[in-house]
C-alpha atoms as a PDB file:
ATOM      1  CA  THR A   1      -0.010  -0.335  -0.124  1.00  0.00           C
ATOM      2  CA  LEU A   2       1.478   4.261  -0.468  1.00  0.00           C
ATOM      3  CA  GLU A   3       0.871   3.934   3.608  1.00  0.00           C
ATOM      4  CA  GLU A   4       3.956   0.842   3.427  1.00  0.00           C
ATOM      5  CA  LEU A   5       5.658   3.204   0.887  1.00  0.00           C
ATOM      6  CA  VAL A   6       5.894   5.736   2.480  1.00  0.00           C
ATOM      7  CA  ASN A   7       7.179   4.352   6.071  1.00  0.00           C
ATOM      8  CA  HIS A   8       9.023   1.686   3.995  1.00  0.00           C
ATOM      9  CA  PHE A   9      11.396   4.786   2.774  1.00  0.00           C
ATOM     10  CA  ARG A  10      11.562   6.814   5.370  1.00  0.00           C
ATOM     11  CA  ALA A  11      13.444   3.886   7.824  1.00  0.00           C
ATOM     12  CA  ILE A  12      15.599   4.162   4.304  1.00  0.00           C
ATOM     13  CA  CYS A  13      15.800   7.686   5.412  1.00  0.00           C
ATOM     14  CA  CYS A  14      16.479   7.262   8.446  1.00  0.00           C
ATOM     15  CA  SER A  15      19.443   4.852   8.473  1.00  0.00           C
ATOM     16  CA  LEU A  16      20.675   6.918   5.100  1.00  0.00           C
ATOM     17  CA  VAL A  17      20.615  10.325   7.634  1.00  0.00           C
ATOM     18  CA  PRO A  18      19.115  11.060  10.242  1.00  0.00           C
ATOM     19  CA  SER A  19      19.334  14.624  10.138  1.00  0.00           C
ATOM     20  CA  HIS A  20      17.282  14.595   7.326  1.00  0.00           C
ATOM     21  CA  ASP A  21      14.134  13.042   8.904  1.00  0.00           C
ATOM     22  CA  GLU A  22      12.922  15.272  11.142  1.00  0.00           C
ATOM     23  CA  LEU A  23      12.608  17.733   7.502  1.00  0.00           C
ATOM     24  CA  LEU A  24      10.974  14.274   6.079  1.00  0.00           C
ATOM     25  CA  LEU A  25       8.181  14.187   8.591  1.00  0.00           C
END
């Protein structure tokens, strides 16, 4: 689902660039 994709994308971003996680959320 779209929500699963978003959650997966956020998980990747959080693991790659934690400093940007706050901006995405």
